[in-house]
Structures are given as C-alpha cells and as structure tokens.
C-alpha atoms as a PDB file:
ATOM      1  CA  UNK A   1      13.480  12.674  -2.507  1.00  0.00           C
ATOM      2  CA  UNK A   2      14.070   9.111  -1.359  1.00  0.00           C
ATOM      3  CA  UNK A   3      11.506   6.470  -2.203  1.00  0.00           C
ATOM      4  CA  UNK A   4       9.078   5.581   0.609  1.00  0.00           C
ATOM      5  CA  UNK A   5       9.405   1.877   1.464  1.00  0.00           C
ATOM      6  CA  UNK A   6       6.438   0.010   2.935  1.00  0.00           C
ATOM      7  CA  UNK A   7       7.252  -3.680   3.581  1.00  0.00           C
ATOM      8  CA  UNK A   8       4.180  -5.914   3.451  1.00  0.00           C
ATOM      9  CA  UNK A   9       3.454  -7.817   6.666  1.00  0.00           C
ATOM     10  CA  UNK A  10       1.583 -10.484   4.669  1.00  0.00           C
ATOM     11  CA  UNK A  11       4.951 -12.105   3.875  1.00  0.00           C
ATOM     12  CA  UNK A  12       6.236 -12.026   7.461  1.00  0.00           C
ATOM     13  CA  UNK A  13       6.742 -15.059   9.703  1.00  0.00           C
ATOM     14  CA  UNK A  14       3.631 -15.005  11.872  1.00  0.00           C
ATOM     15  CA  UNK A  15       5.152 -17.454  14.358  1.00  0.00           C
ATOM     16  CA  UNK A  16       7.690 -14.753  15.195  1.00  0.00           C
ATOM     17  CA  UNK A  17       5.738 -11.593  14.488  1.00  0.00           C
ATOM     18  CA  UNK A  18       7.370  -9.762  17.387  1.00  0.00           C
ATOM     19  CA  UNK A  19      10.816 -10.269  15.840  1.00  0.00           C
ATOM     20  CA  UNK A  20       9.554  -9.213  12.416  1.00  0.00           C
ATOM     21  CA  UNK A  21       8.139  -5.967  13.831  1.00  0.00           C
ATOM     22  CA  UNK A  22      11.388  -5.367  15.702  1.00  0.00           C
ATOM     23  CA  UNK A  23      13.256  -5.725  12.401  1.00  0.00           C
ATOM     24  CA  UNK A  24      10.953  -3.194  10.749  1.00  0.00           C
ATOM     25  CA  UNK A  25      11.426  -0.777  13.657  1.00  0.00           C
ATOM     26  CA  UNK A  26      15.205  -1.007  13.330  1.00  0.00           C
ATOM     27  CA  UNK A  27      15.256  -0.794   9.529  1.00  0.00           C
ATOM     28  CA  UNK A  28      15.062   2.126   7.104  1.00  0.00           C
ATOM     29  CA  UNK A  29      11.468   1.224   6.237  1.00  0.00           C
ATOM     30  CA  UNK A  30       9.190   4.252   6.281  1.00  0.00           C
ATOM     31  CA  UNK A  31       5.842   2.495   6.748  1.00  0.00           C
ATOM     32  CA  UNK A  32       4.488  -0.978   7.447  1.00  0.00           C
ATOM     33  CA  UNK A  33       2.025  -2.219   4.841  1.00  0.00           C
ATOM     34  CA  UNK A  34      -0.827  -4.364   6.187  1.00  0.00           C
ATOM     35  CA  UNK A  35      -3.228  -6.259   3.933  1.00  0.00           C
ATOM     36  CA  UNK A  36      -6.711  -6.948   5.315  1.00  0.00           C
ATOM     37  CA  UNK A  37      -8.605  -9.539   3.228  1.00  0.00           C
ATOM     38  CA  UNK A  38     -12.104 -10.898   3.727  1.00  0.00           C
ATOM     39  CA  UNK A  39     -12.345 -13.877   1.356  1.00  0.00           C
ATOM     40  CA  UNK A  40     -15.156 -12.070  -0.485  1.00  0.00           C
ATOM     41  CA  UNK A  41     -13.596  -9.143  -2.356  1.00  0.00           C
ATOM     42  CA  UNK A  42     -10.473 -11.276  -2.874  1.00  0.00           C
ATOM     43  CA  UNK A  43     -10.154 -15.093  -2.785  1.00  0.00           C
ATOM     44  CA  UNK A  44      -8.115 -15.164   0.405  1.00  0.00           C
ATOM     45  CA  UNK A  45      -8.396 -14.324   4.119  1.00  0.00           C
ATOM     46  CA  UNK A  46      -5.471 -12.668   5.893  1.00  0.00           C
ATOM     47  CA  UNK A  47      -5.902 -10.934   9.251  1.00  0.00           C
ATOM     48  CA  UNK A  48      -8.140  -8.404  10.933  1.00  0.00           C
ATOM     49  CA  UNK A  49      -8.282  -6.027  13.855  1.00  0.00           C
ATOM     50  CA  UNK A  50      -6.718  -8.291  16.520  1.00  0.00           C
ATOM     51  CA  UNK A  51      -3.483  -8.191  14.480  1.00  0.00           C
ATOM     52  CA  UNK A  52      -3.844  -4.498  13.578  1.00  0.00           C
ATOM     53  CA  UNK A  53      -4.383  -3.552  17.221  1.00  0.00           C
ATOM     54  CA  UNK A  54      -1.489  -5.694  18.462  1.00  0.00           C
ATOM     55  CA  UNK A  55       0.964  -4.428  15.845  1.00  0.00           C
ATOM     56  CA  UNK A  56      -0.175  -0.848  16.348  1.00  0.00           C
ATOM     57  CA  UNK A  57       0.998  -0.976  19.960  1.00  0.00           C
ATOM     58  CA  UNK A  58       4.592  -1.948  19.130  1.00  0.00           C
ATOM     59  CA  UNK A  59       5.291  -0.769  15.577  1.00  0.00           C
ATOM     60  CA  UNK A  60       7.192   2.521  15.485  1.00  0.00           C
ATOM     61  CA  UNK A  61       6.500   3.056  11.783  1.00  0.00           C
ATOM     62  CA  UNK A  62       3.192   4.390  10.403  1.00  0.00           C
ATOM     63  CA  UNK A  63       0.793   1.587   9.517  1.00  0.00           C
ATOM     64  CA  UNK A  64      -0.240   1.651   5.861  1.00  0.00           C
ATOM     65  CA  UNK A  65      -3.428  -0.431   5.910  1.00  0.00           C
ATOM     66  CA  UNK A  66      -4.753  -1.792   2.617  1.00  0.00           C
ATOM     67  CA  UNK A  67      -8.333  -3.073   2.785  1.00  0.00           C
ATOM     68  CA  UNK A  68      -9.223  -5.749   0.238  1.00  0.00           C
ATOM     69  CA  UNK A  69     -12.738  -6.174   1.559  1.00  0.00           C
ATOM     70  CA  UNK A  70     -16.328  -5.302   0.757  1.00  0.00           C
ATOM     71  CA  UNK A  71     -17.766  -2.274   2.582  1.00  0.00           C
ATOM     72  CA  UNK A  72     -14.469  -0.899   3.971  1.00  0.00           C
ATOM     73  CA  UNK A  73     -16.362   2.239   4.964  1.00  0.00           C
ATOM     74  CA  UNK A  74     -17.827   0.287   7.894  1.00  0.00           C
ATOM     75  CA  UNK A  75     -14.413   0.008   9.546  1.00  0.00           C
ATOM     76  CA  UNK A  76     -12.976   3.522   9.329  1.00  0.00           C
ATOM     77  CA  UNK A  77     -13.115   4.394  13.028  1.00  0.00           C
ATOM     78  CA  UNK A  78     -11.829   0.964  14.065  1.00  0.00           C
ATOM     79  CA  UNK A  79      -8.900   1.430  11.715  1.00  0.00           C
ATOM     80  CA  UNK A  80      -8.097   4.838  13.161  1.00  0.00           C
ATOM     81  CA  UNK A  81      -8.373   3.427  16.700  1.00  0.00           C
ATOM     82  CA  UNK A  82      -5.803   0.736  15.818  1.00  0.00           C
ATOM     83  CA  UNK A  83      -3.251   3.475  15.231  1.00  0.00           C
ATOM     84  CA  UNK A  84      -3.225   3.335  11.432  1.00  0.00           C
ATOM     85  CA  UNK A  85      -1.851   6.376   9.635  1.00  0.00           C
ATOM     86  CA  UNK A  86      -3.139   5.457   6.166  1.00  0.00           C
ATOM     87  CA  UNK A  87      -6.340   3.694   5.151  1.00  0.00           C
ATOM     88  CA  UNK A  88      -6.350   2.487   1.568  1.00  0.00           C
ATOM     89  CA  UNK A  89      -9.616   1.277   0.022  1.00  0.00           C
ATOM     90  CA  UNK A  90     -10.349  -0.227  -3.378  1.00  0.00           C
ATOM     91  CA  UNK A  91     -12.124   1.874  -5.979  1.00  0.00           C
ATOM     92  CA  UNK A  92     -13.961  -1.292  -7.013  1.00  0.00           C
ATOM     93  CA  UNK A  93     -15.330  -1.833  -3.473  1.00  0.00           C
ATOM     94  CA  UNK A  94     -16.636   1.679  -2.786  1.00  0.00           C
ATOM     95  CA  UNK A  95     -19.930   2.839  -4.263  1.00  0.00           C
ATOM     96  CA  UNK A  96     -19.661   6.241  -2.571  1.00  0.00           C
ATOM     97  CA  UNK A  97     -15.921   6.798  -2.832  1.00  0.00           C
ATOM     98  CA  UNK A  98     -15.926  10.544  -2.186  1.00  0.00           C
ATOM     99  CA  UNK A  99     -17.874  10.104   1.043  1.00  0.00           C
ATOM    100  CA  UNK A 100     -15.554   7.301   2.156  1.00  0.00           C
ATOM    101  CA  UNK A 101     -12.424   9.394   1.548  1.00  0.00           C
ATOM    102  CA  UNK A 102     -13.906  12.296   3.496  1.00  0.00           C
ATOM    103  CA  UNK A 103     -14.685   9.995   6.415  1.00  0.00           C
ATOM    104  CA  UNK A 104     -11.151   8.551   6.393  1.00  0.00           C
ATOM    105  CA  UNK A 105      -9.648  12.027   6.548  1.00  0.00           C
ATOM    106  CA  UNK A 106     -12.097  13.105   9.237  1.00  0.00           C
ATOM    107  CA  UNK A 107     -10.887  10.148  11.326  1.00  0.00           C
ATOM    108  CA  UNK A 108      -7.358  11.572  11.160  1.00  0.00           C
ATOM    109  CA  UNK A 109      -5.831   9.255   8.535  1.00  0.00           C
ATOM    110  CA  UNK A 110      -4.471   9.780   5.052  1.00  0.00           C
ATOM    111  CA  UNK A 111      -6.923   8.558   2.409  1.00  0.00           C
ATOM    112  CA  UNK A 112      -5.747   6.092  -0.218  1.00  0.00           C
ATOM    113  CA  UNK A 113      -7.462   4.545  -3.224  1.00  0.00           C
ATOM    114  CA  UNK A 114      -6.323   1.278  -4.803  1.00  0.00           C
ATOM    115  CA  UNK A 115      -6.938   0.217  -8.402  1.00  0.00           C
ATOM    116  CA  UNK A 116      -6.995  -3.395  -9.549  1.00  0.00           C
ATOM    117  CA  UNK A 117      -4.840  -4.273 -12.598  1.00  0.00           C
ATOM    118  CA  UNK A 118      -7.837  -4.088 -14.953  1.00  0.00           C
ATOM    119  CA  UNK A 119      -9.144  -0.739 -13.668  1.00  0.00           C
ATOM    120  CA  UNK A 120      -7.942   2.261 -15.745  1.00  0.00           C
ATOM    121  CA  UNK A 121      -6.527   5.346 -14.025  1.00  0.00           C
ATOM    122  CA  UNK A 122      -8.993   7.697 -15.725  1.00  0.00           C
ATOM    123  CA  UNK A 123     -11.755   6.596 -13.305  1.00  0.00           C
ATOM    124  CA  UNK A 124     -10.036   8.868 -10.766  1.00  0.00           C
ATOM    125  CA  UNK A 125     -10.194  12.050 -12.868  1.00  0.00           C
ATOM    126  CA  UNK A 126     -13.030  13.616 -10.865  1.00  0.00           C
ATOM    127  CA  UNK A 127     -11.645  12.730  -7.444  1.00  0.00           C
ATOM    128  CA  UNK A 128      -7.840  12.823  -7.738  1.00  0.00           C
ATOM    129  CA  UNK A 129      -7.725  16.081  -5.780  1.00  0.00           C
ATOM    130  CA  UNK A 130      -9.267  14.355  -2.745  1.00  0.00           C
ATOM    131  CA  UNK A 131      -6.807  11.440  -2.670  1.00  0.00           C
ATOM    132  CA  UNK A 132      -3.581  11.376  -0.670  1.00  0.00           C
ATOM    133  CA  UNK A 133      -2.263   8.118  -2.143  1.00  0.00           C
ATOM    134  CA  UNK A 134      -3.171   6.132  -5.256  1.00  0.00           C
ATOM    135  CA  UNK A 135      -2.054   2.523  -5.027  1.00  0.00           C
ATOM    136  CA  UNK A 136      -1.786   0.507  -8.219  1.00  0.00           C
ATOM    137  CA  UNK A 137      -1.933  -3.266  -7.913  1.00  0.00           C
ATOM    138  CA  UNK A 138       0.820  -4.751 -10.070  1.00  0.00           C
ATOM    139  CA  UNK A 139      -0.485  -8.266  -9.360  1.00  0.00           C
ATOM    140  CA  UNK A 140      -4.034  -9.513  -8.903  1.00  0.00           C
ATOM    141  CA  UNK A 141      -4.933  -8.820  -5.260  1.00  0.00           C
ATOM    142  CA  UNK A 142      -5.253 -11.628  -2.762  1.00  0.00           C
ATOM    143  CA  UNK A 143      -1.931 -13.453  -2.651  1.00  0.00           C
ATOM    144  CA  UNK A 144       1.727 -12.579  -2.139  1.00  0.00           C
ATOM    145  CA  UNK A 145       4.623 -13.744  -4.293  1.00  0.00           C
ATOM    146  CA  UNK A 146       2.928 -13.262  -7.679  1.00  0.00           C
ATOM    147  CA  UNK A 147       4.638 -12.272 -10.913  1.00  0.00           C
ATOM    148  CA  UNK A 148       4.754  -8.561 -11.706  1.00  0.00           C
ATOM    149  CA  UNK A 149       2.312  -7.377 -14.404  1.00  0.00           C
ATOM    150  CA  UNK A 150       4.498  -5.506 -16.917  1.00  0.00           C
ATOM    151  CA  UNK A 151       1.762  -3.147 -18.140  1.00  0.00           C
ATOM    152  CA  UNK A 152       1.889  -1.506 -14.696  1.00  0.00           C
ATOM    153  CA  UNK A 153       4.846   0.621 -15.843  1.00  0.00           C
ATOM    154  CA  UNK A 154       2.757   2.360 -18.506  1.00  0.00           C
ATOM    155  CA  UNK A 155      -0.124   2.636 -16.064  1.00  0.00           C
ATOM    156  CA  UNK A 156       2.123   4.471 -13.600  1.00  0.00           C
ATOM    157  CA  UNK A 157       3.118   6.898 -16.343  1.00  0.00           C
ATOM    158  CA  UNK A 158      -0.532   7.599 -17.191  1.00  0.00           C
ATOM    159  CA  UNK A 159      -1.351   8.136 -13.520  1.00  0.00           C
ATOM    160  CA  UNK A 160       1.596  10.520 -13.132  1.00  0.00           C
ATOM    161  CA  UNK A 161       0.308  12.512 -16.109  1.00  0.00           C
ATOM    162  CA  UNK A 162      -3.180  12.692 -14.556  1.00  0.00           C
ATOM    163  CA  UNK A 163      -1.808  13.844 -11.186  1.00  0.00           C
ATOM    164  CA  UNK A 164       0.346  16.528 -12.812  1.00  0.00           C
ATOM    165  CA  UNK A 165      -2.440  17.724 -15.093  1.00  0.00           C
ATOM    166  CA  UNK A 166      -4.890  18.127 -12.193  1.00  0.00           C
ATOM    167  CA  UNK A 167      -2.248  19.629  -9.848  1.00  0.00           C
ATOM    168  CA  UNK A 168      -2.972  16.883  -7.339  1.00  0.00           C
ATOM    169  CA  UNK A 169      -0.628  16.180  -4.429  1.00  0.00           C
ATOM    170  CA  UNK A 170      -1.422  12.445  -4.501  1.00  0.00           C
ATOM    171  CA  UNK A 171       1.504  10.069  -4.150  1.00  0.00           C
ATOM    172  CA  UNK A 172       1.764   6.931  -6.276  1.00  0.00           C
ATOM    173  CA  UNK A 173       2.158   3.575  -4.525  1.00  0.00           C
ATOM    174  CA  UNK A 174       2.657   0.199  -6.218  1.00  0.00           C
ATOM    175  CA  UNK A 175       1.951  -3.165  -4.604  1.00  0.00           C
ATOM    176  CA  UNK A 176       2.966  -6.528  -6.046  1.00  0.00           C
ATOM    177  CA  UNK A 177       6.105  -8.080  -7.491  1.00  0.00           C
ATOM    178  CA  UNK A 178       8.354  -5.248  -6.313  1.00  0.00           C
ATOM    179  CA  UNK A 179      11.949  -6.482  -6.301  1.00  0.00           C
ATOM    180  CA  UNK A 180      15.426  -5.689  -7.622  1.00  0.00           C
ATOM    181  CA  UNK A 181      14.541  -5.549 -11.324  1.00  0.00           C
ATOM    182  CA  UNK A 182      11.095  -3.930 -11.114  1.00  0.00           C
ATOM    183  CA  UNK A 183      11.663  -1.324  -8.385  1.00  0.00           C
ATOM    184  CA  UNK A 184      14.028   0.969 -10.365  1.00  0.00           C
ATOM    185  CA  UNK A 185      11.727   0.948 -13.387  1.00  0.00           C
ATOM    186  CA  UNK A 186       8.707   1.789 -11.241  1.00  0.00           C
ATOM    187  CA  UNK A 187      10.487   4.699  -9.579  1.00  0.00           C
ATOM    188  CA  UNK A 188      11.679   5.991 -12.956  1.00  0.00           C
ATOM    189  CA  UNK A 189       8.065   5.884 -14.203  1.00  0.00           C
ATOM    190  CA  UNK A 190       6.929   8.076 -11.293  1.00  0.00           C
ATOM    191  CA  UNK A 191       6.273   5.877  -8.250  1.00  0.00           C
ATOM    192  CA  UNK A 192       6.772   7.427  -4.788  1.00  0.00           C
ATOM    193  CA  UNK A 193       5.998   4.421  -2.553  1.00  0.00           C
ATOM    194  CA  UNK A 194       7.092   0.816  -3.005  1.00  0.00           C
ATOM    195  CA  UNK A 195       5.280  -2.015  -1.239  1.00  0.00           C
ATOM    196  CA  UNK A 196       7.417  -5.138  -1.054  1.00  0.00           C
ATOM    197  CA  UNK A 197       6.579  -8.363   0.733  1.00  0.00           C
ATOM    198  CA  UNK A 198       8.380 -11.566  -0.190  1.00  0.00           C
ATOM    199  CA  UNK A 199      11.418  -9.700  -1.547  1.00  0.00           C
ATOM    200  CA  UNK A 200      11.964  -8.112   1.879  1.00  0.00           C
ATOM    201  CA  UNK A 201      10.792 -10.674   4.425  1.00  0.00           C
ATOM    202  CA  UNK A 202      12.215 -13.730   2.624  1.00  0.00           C
ATOM    203  CA  UNK A 203      15.598 -12.087   2.049  1.00  0.00           C
ATOM    204  CA  UNK A 204      18.734 -13.339   3.803  1.00  0.00           C
ATOM    205  CA  UNK A 205      19.194  -9.785   5.112  1.00  0.00           C
ATOM    206  CA  UNK A 206      15.850  -7.935   5.145  1.00  0.00           C
ATOM    207  CA  UNK A 207      17.353  -4.695   6.485  1.00  0.00           C
ATOM    208  CA  UNK A 208      19.905  -4.603   3.652  1.00  0.00           C
ATOM    209  CA  UNK A 209      17.148  -5.274   1.130  1.00  0.00           C
ATOM    210  CA  UNK A 210      15.100  -2.394   2.519  1.00  0.00           C
ATOM    211  CA  UNK A 211      18.197  -0.197   2.340  1.00  0.00           C
ATOM    212  CA  UNK A 212      18.709  -1.051  -1.344  1.00  0.00           C
ATOM    213  CA  UNK A 213      15.131  -0.036  -2.140  1.00  0.00           C
ATOM    214  CA  UNK A 214      15.443   3.097  -0.036  1.00  0.00           C
ATOM    215  CA  UNK A 215      18.397   4.278  -2.132  1.00  0.00           C
ATOM    216  CA  UNK A 216      16.170   4.684  -5.206  1.00  0.00           C
ATOM    217  CA  UNK A 217      15.474   8.341  -5.991  1.00  0.00           C
ATOM    218  CA  UNK A 218      11.857   9.257  -6.705  1.00  0.00           C
ATOM    219  CA  UNK A 219      10.268  12.405  -8.157  1.00  0.00           C
END
C-alpha cells in the first residue's frame, strides 16, 4: 500500500492559510496534520480551536490533530466538533490513557497515542490493541524544522515487532525531520504514515514534494 502523507500545518504560511489549505486539497496528501501546543507540556504555543474550526470547514482531507498539551481528555468533544478525524494524545500527558482512548473513539474519531523520543515502545504493551495509530516523535516536540533523531529507525522496528506480536491493527506514524533521506528509511522500517512540515511547505513545489513521499511503498 502507498504511504499515508500528513503534511504538518505548523510549517504553513499563516498569512495565506487559505492558499495553503487549497494546496493541500489539490495535492495527493491523505491527511492534514495539526499540532496543538499549550506552552506547558511543550515549550511553545501554536494554535487552538479557532484555527481547527476554521480549517475544518474548508479542508477536504481528514484532520490529523496532535495534542501536545496537558489534560487533552478535556477537549475530546470540542475536537470532534471541529471535524477532526484523528485525535492523537501523548502517553506522557495521560494518566488514564485507556479511558481517554475509549472517549476519543466514542466521539467518532480514530484514537492515536504519541511517544516522546525518550519514551520506550514497551509502555504500550498492555494497550496496543486499543490504539488506532501510534505516533513516534523523531524530534523533541514543540518546534518544527529540527534535526531527525537517528535512533527513531530502531524504535520503529521495535514498535512494528510489538504490533505484529500482539496482532494489533495500529498504524505507525512518525513526526519530525521527515524529508528525502529519512522518509525511505522510515518506511522500510515499518512506518505507515509520514508527517512532514518544513520539507513540504517550504518546498519550491509542495505538491511535487508530497507526490514524491506518496510514491514510497509501505507495509
């Protein structure tokens, strides 16, 4: 199957957000990745529900919303109401992760769990069957344009082994430093979904860049 491509809106030109969304709509992108940051869980603030709601009205691609905030469980219904198809929460931010995933699914969205670079994949052993998407951060969360953390490749392989061993249907997503040299290696290691921000939105031809990522064959 073709790799799922989810360009990250964090790297878009916010002065011309309408044109950026139009580009995504016309491209081969499968999803639109949206990073919500609170300045508490991560040392940065991005955007919140005014942007989610506005984009949700015009974006023709499923919104893949990644919450880098404390207490994401407080915003599940608001996220669903914005039109989001996927709600991804950090393992490190959720005390009652199983309950949160159930609530996300009950709200009609796919449930994702994100792991920080220092969090091992084995923490998901008892819950992997309840997860639709596992997102691995291949940079430290909070800022775009960071250098790819090389150990992520081995981490993807370990996660793929866990998913296969537990007969889980979870897809693997990677966020951070995804570009021409890292994307093929990630897909070869077992990644299904590539999140790419600067590499796509700063490209001379974003649609062509998305196409090149889309051509990668995944498991």
